[in-house]
Amino acid sequence: MKEFDHNGLLLAEYQGKLFEKSADLKCSSPIFLRRFLHSDLLKELDSNKYISYDVNEGIQSIQKQFGDTSYGKEKYSKSSLFWMGYMYRYIAYTREHSTSYVMKLFKYRQMNSVYYSYHTQDPEWCIRSLLDLNHISERYAFDKNYRLKQIIKKSGKYLFVQTEQTSSKS
């Protein structure tokens, strides 16, 4: 796990403000979030480098890439969008995973629905609660080698049982 340092804070606040600003767009919040998920801007944010854009330039970058649309009606509150953007970046930064992975793990509709209960809590508490809500362990979700370790562990037991059976037949 990576420490949430000053750079992480700047990136999380930027992404939170970007999500918040998206409420002013004609399109629905889910449409914006799907576009963001596939944007070049997200790739830059995931590289954990300082972003020199202001929020308006970030929105323009996404609109330039995907066009402007008035598709969809569902709008999330600005405060919910800010929190979602901040949390997605916090999780991606501290757990060293891509934002797309985090957004697949914790769907934006779920994040919007837990906003009122979670937004005043510590981010680590929110992560534990989201994992619990989805019946996922921290190790399974964020240890990149955990699933591989489990397969090897099971394969090792299988090989051990096979070897014992083979040697007892001899």
Protein backbone atom coordinates (compact mmCIF):
# COMPACT_ATOMS: atom_id res chain seq x y z
CA MET A 1 0.00 0.00 0.00
CA LYS A 2 1.28 3.42 -0.95
CA GLU A 3 1.23 6.37 1.44
CA PHE A 4 -1.32 9.05 0.61
CA ASP A 5 1.09 11.95 0.22
CA HIS A 6 0.75 15.53 -1.01
CA ASN A 7 0.80 14.46 -4.67
CA GLY A 8 -1.98 11.96 -3.99
CA LEU A 9 -4.01 14.65 -2.26
CA LEU A 10 -3.64 17.03 -5.22
CA LEU A 11 -4.70 14.31 -7.67
CA ALA A 12 -7.67 13.27 -5.52
CA GLU A 13 -8.87 16.85 -5.14
CA TYR A 14 -8.45 17.47 -8.86
CA GLN A 15 -10.44 14.37 -9.78
CA GLY A 16 -13.10 15.26 -7.19
CA LYS A 17 -13.45 18.76 -8.66
CA LEU A 18 -13.55 17.29 -12.19
CA PHE A 19 -16.40 14.97 -11.24
CA GLU A 20 -18.19 17.81 -9.45
CA LYS A 21 -17.88 20.06 -12.53
CA SER A 22 -19.39 17.29 -14.67
CA ALA A 23 -22.77 18.03 -13.03
CA ASP A 24 -22.89 21.19 -15.15
CA LEU A 25 -22.71 19.21 -18.41
CA LYS A 26 -25.78 18.38 -20.49
CA CYS A 27 -25.18 14.62 -20.29
CA SER A 28 -26.14 12.42 -17.36
CA SER A 29 -23.67 11.61 -14.61
CA PRO A 30 -23.39 7.92 -15.61
CA ILE A 31 -22.59 8.95 -19.21
CA PHE A 32 -19.85 11.30 -18.03
CA LEU A 33 -18.40 8.63 -15.74
CA ARG A 34 -18.29 6.07 -18.56
CA ARG A 35 -16.58 8.60 -20.82
CA PHE A 36 -14.12 9.50 -18.09
CA LEU A 37 -13.39 5.79 -17.62
CA HIS A 38 -12.23 5.54 -21.25
CA SER A 39 -10.57 8.94 -21.53
CA ASP A 40 -6.97 9.89 -22.20
CA LEU A 41 -7.19 12.15 -19.14
CA LEU A 42 -7.73 9.10 -16.93
CA LYS A 43 -4.55 7.53 -18.30
CA GLU A 44 -2.67 10.67 -17.29
CA LEU A 45 -4.22 10.65 -13.83
CA ASP A 46 -3.37 6.97 -13.37
CA SER A 47 0.27 7.72 -14.15
CA ASN A 48 0.24 9.65 -10.82
CA LYS A 49 1.96 12.62 -12.35
CA TYR A 50 1.06 16.18 -11.60
CA ILE A 51 -1.75 17.33 -13.90
CA SER A 52 -1.25 20.82 -15.24
CA TYR A 53 -4.85 21.17 -16.42
CA ASP A 54 -7.39 23.10 -14.51
CA VAL A 55 -10.77 21.41 -14.11
CA ASN A 56 -12.31 23.22 -17.09
CA GLU A 57 -9.48 22.03 -19.34
CA GLY A 58 -10.01 18.49 -18.06
CA ILE A 59 -13.72 18.63 -18.93
CA GLN A 60 -12.88 20.11 -22.35
CA SER A 61 -10.36 17.32 -22.93
CA ILE A 62 -13.04 14.68 -22.34
CA GLN A 63 -15.58 16.55 -24.47
CA LYS A 64 -13.05 16.96 -27.26
CA GLN A 65 -12.33 13.23 -27.19
CA PHE A 66 -15.98 12.08 -27.04
CA GLY A 67 -18.03 15.07 -28.18
CA ASP A 68 -20.77 16.92 -26.37
CA THR A 69 -24.06 15.15 -25.77
CA SER A 70 -27.32 15.66 -23.92
CA TYR A 71 -27.86 11.91 -23.61
CA GLY A 72 -29.27 10.62 -20.33
CA LYS A 73 -31.27 12.23 -17.56
CA GLU A 74 -29.82 10.89 -14.29
CA LYS A 75 -27.78 13.53 -12.45
CA TYR A 76 -25.89 12.93 -9.22
CA SER A 77 -25.42 15.75 -6.74
CA LYS A 78 -22.25 17.82 -7.02
CA SER A 79 -21.20 16.82 -3.52
CA SER A 80 -21.68 13.12 -4.29
CA LEU A 81 -19.71 13.47 -7.52
CA PHE A 82 -16.85 15.24 -5.73
CA TRP A 83 -16.71 12.51 -3.08
CA MET A 84 -16.80 9.75 -5.70
CA GLY A 85 -14.00 11.33 -7.71
CA TYR A 86 -11.90 11.86 -4.60
CA MET A 87 -12.47 8.31 -3.34
CA TYR A 88 -11.76 6.64 -6.67
CA ARG A 89 -8.45 8.50 -6.92
CA TYR A 90 -7.61 7.84 -3.25
CA ILE A 91 -8.18 4.11 -3.68
CA ALA A 92 -6.33 3.91 -7.01
CA TYR A 93 -3.41 5.91 -5.60
CA THR A 94 -3.02 4.14 -2.26
CA ARG A 95 -3.72 0.63 -3.56
CA GLU A 96 -1.64 1.20 -6.72
CA HIS A 97 -4.34 -0.01 -9.10
CA SER A 98 -5.85 1.61 -12.15
CA THR A 99 -8.94 3.72 -11.69
CA SER A 100 -10.80 1.53 -14.17
CA TYR A 101 -10.15 -1.48 -11.91
CA VAL A 102 -11.38 0.45 -8.86
CA MET A 103 -14.47 1.69 -10.72
CA LYS A 104 -15.30 -1.89 -11.74
CA LEU A 105 -14.80 -3.07 -8.16
CA PHE A 106 -16.99 -0.30 -6.71
CA LYS A 107 -19.62 0.66 -9.27
CA TYR A 108 -20.50 4.35 -9.51
CA ARG A 109 -24.18 3.68 -8.80
CA GLN A 110 -23.21 1.99 -5.55
CA MET A 111 -20.82 4.83 -4.67
CA ASN A 112 -23.60 7.34 -5.27
CA SER A 113 -26.02 5.33 -3.12
CA VAL A 114 -23.65 5.13 -0.11
CA TYR A 115 -22.53 8.76 -0.36
CA TYR A 116 -24.75 10.12 2.44
CA SER A 117 -23.64 7.43 4.88
CA TYR A 118 -19.96 7.37 3.95
CA HIS A 119 -18.87 10.86 2.90
CA THR A 120 -18.03 12.08 6.42
CA GLN A 121 -15.98 9.01 7.25
CA ASP A 122 -12.26 8.36 6.94
CA PRO A 123 -11.34 7.06 3.45
CA GLU A 124 -9.85 3.87 4.91
CA TRP A 125 -13.09 3.21 6.79
CA CYS A 126 -14.99 3.73 3.53
CA ILE A 127 -12.78 1.24 1.71
CA ARG A 128 -13.23 -1.40 4.43
CA SER A 129 -17.00 -0.81 4.42
CA LEU A 130 -17.24 -0.97 0.62
CA LEU A 131 -15.25 -4.21 0.60
CA ASP A 132 -17.50 -5.63 3.32
CA LEU A 133 -20.62 -4.48 1.48
CA ASN A 134 -19.41 -6.34 -1.63
CA HIS A 135 -18.19 -9.40 0.32
CA ILE A 136 -14.62 -8.95 -0.89
CA SER A 137 -11.45 -9.19 1.20
CA GLU A 138 -8.80 -6.48 1.00
CA ARG A 139 -6.20 -9.06 -0.02
CA TYR A 140 -8.39 -10.49 -2.78
CA ALA A 141 -9.23 -7.04 -4.12
CA PHE A 142 -5.86 -5.33 -3.98
CA ASP A 143 -3.04 -7.89 -3.67
CA LYS A 144 -2.06 -8.35 -7.30
CA ASN A 145 -0.60 -11.77 -6.56
CA TYR A 146 -3.20 -13.08 -4.11
CA ARG A 147 -5.24 -15.04 -6.65
CA LEU A 148 -2.07 -16.49 -8.15
CA LYS A 149 -0.87 -17.48 -4.68
CA GLN A 150 -4.21 -19.23 -4.05
CA ILE A 151 -3.95 -21.17 -7.33
CA ILE A 152 -0.38 -22.22 -6.55
CA LYS A 153 -1.40 -23.19 -3.02
CA LYS A 154 -4.27 -25.34 -4.34
CA SER A 155 -2.08 -26.79 -7.10
CA GLY A 156 0.58 -27.63 -4.54
CA LYS A 157 -1.94 -29.56 -2.43
CA TYR A 158 -3.20 -31.35 -5.54
CA LEU A 159 0.33 -32.26 -6.59
CA PHE A 160 1.11 -33.44 -3.06
CA VAL A 161 -1.99 -35.66 -3.01
CA GLN A 162 -1.16 -36.99 -6.50
CA THR A 163 2.40 -37.77 -5.46
CA GLU A 164 1.25 -39.57 -2.29
CA GLN A 165 -1.27 -41.65 -4.23
CA THR A 166 1.29 -42.54 -6.90
CA SER A 167 3.94 -43.56 -4.37
CA SER A 168 1.49 -45.65 -2.29
CA LYS A 169 0.55 -47.66 -5.42
CA SER A 170 4.18 -48.58 -6.04
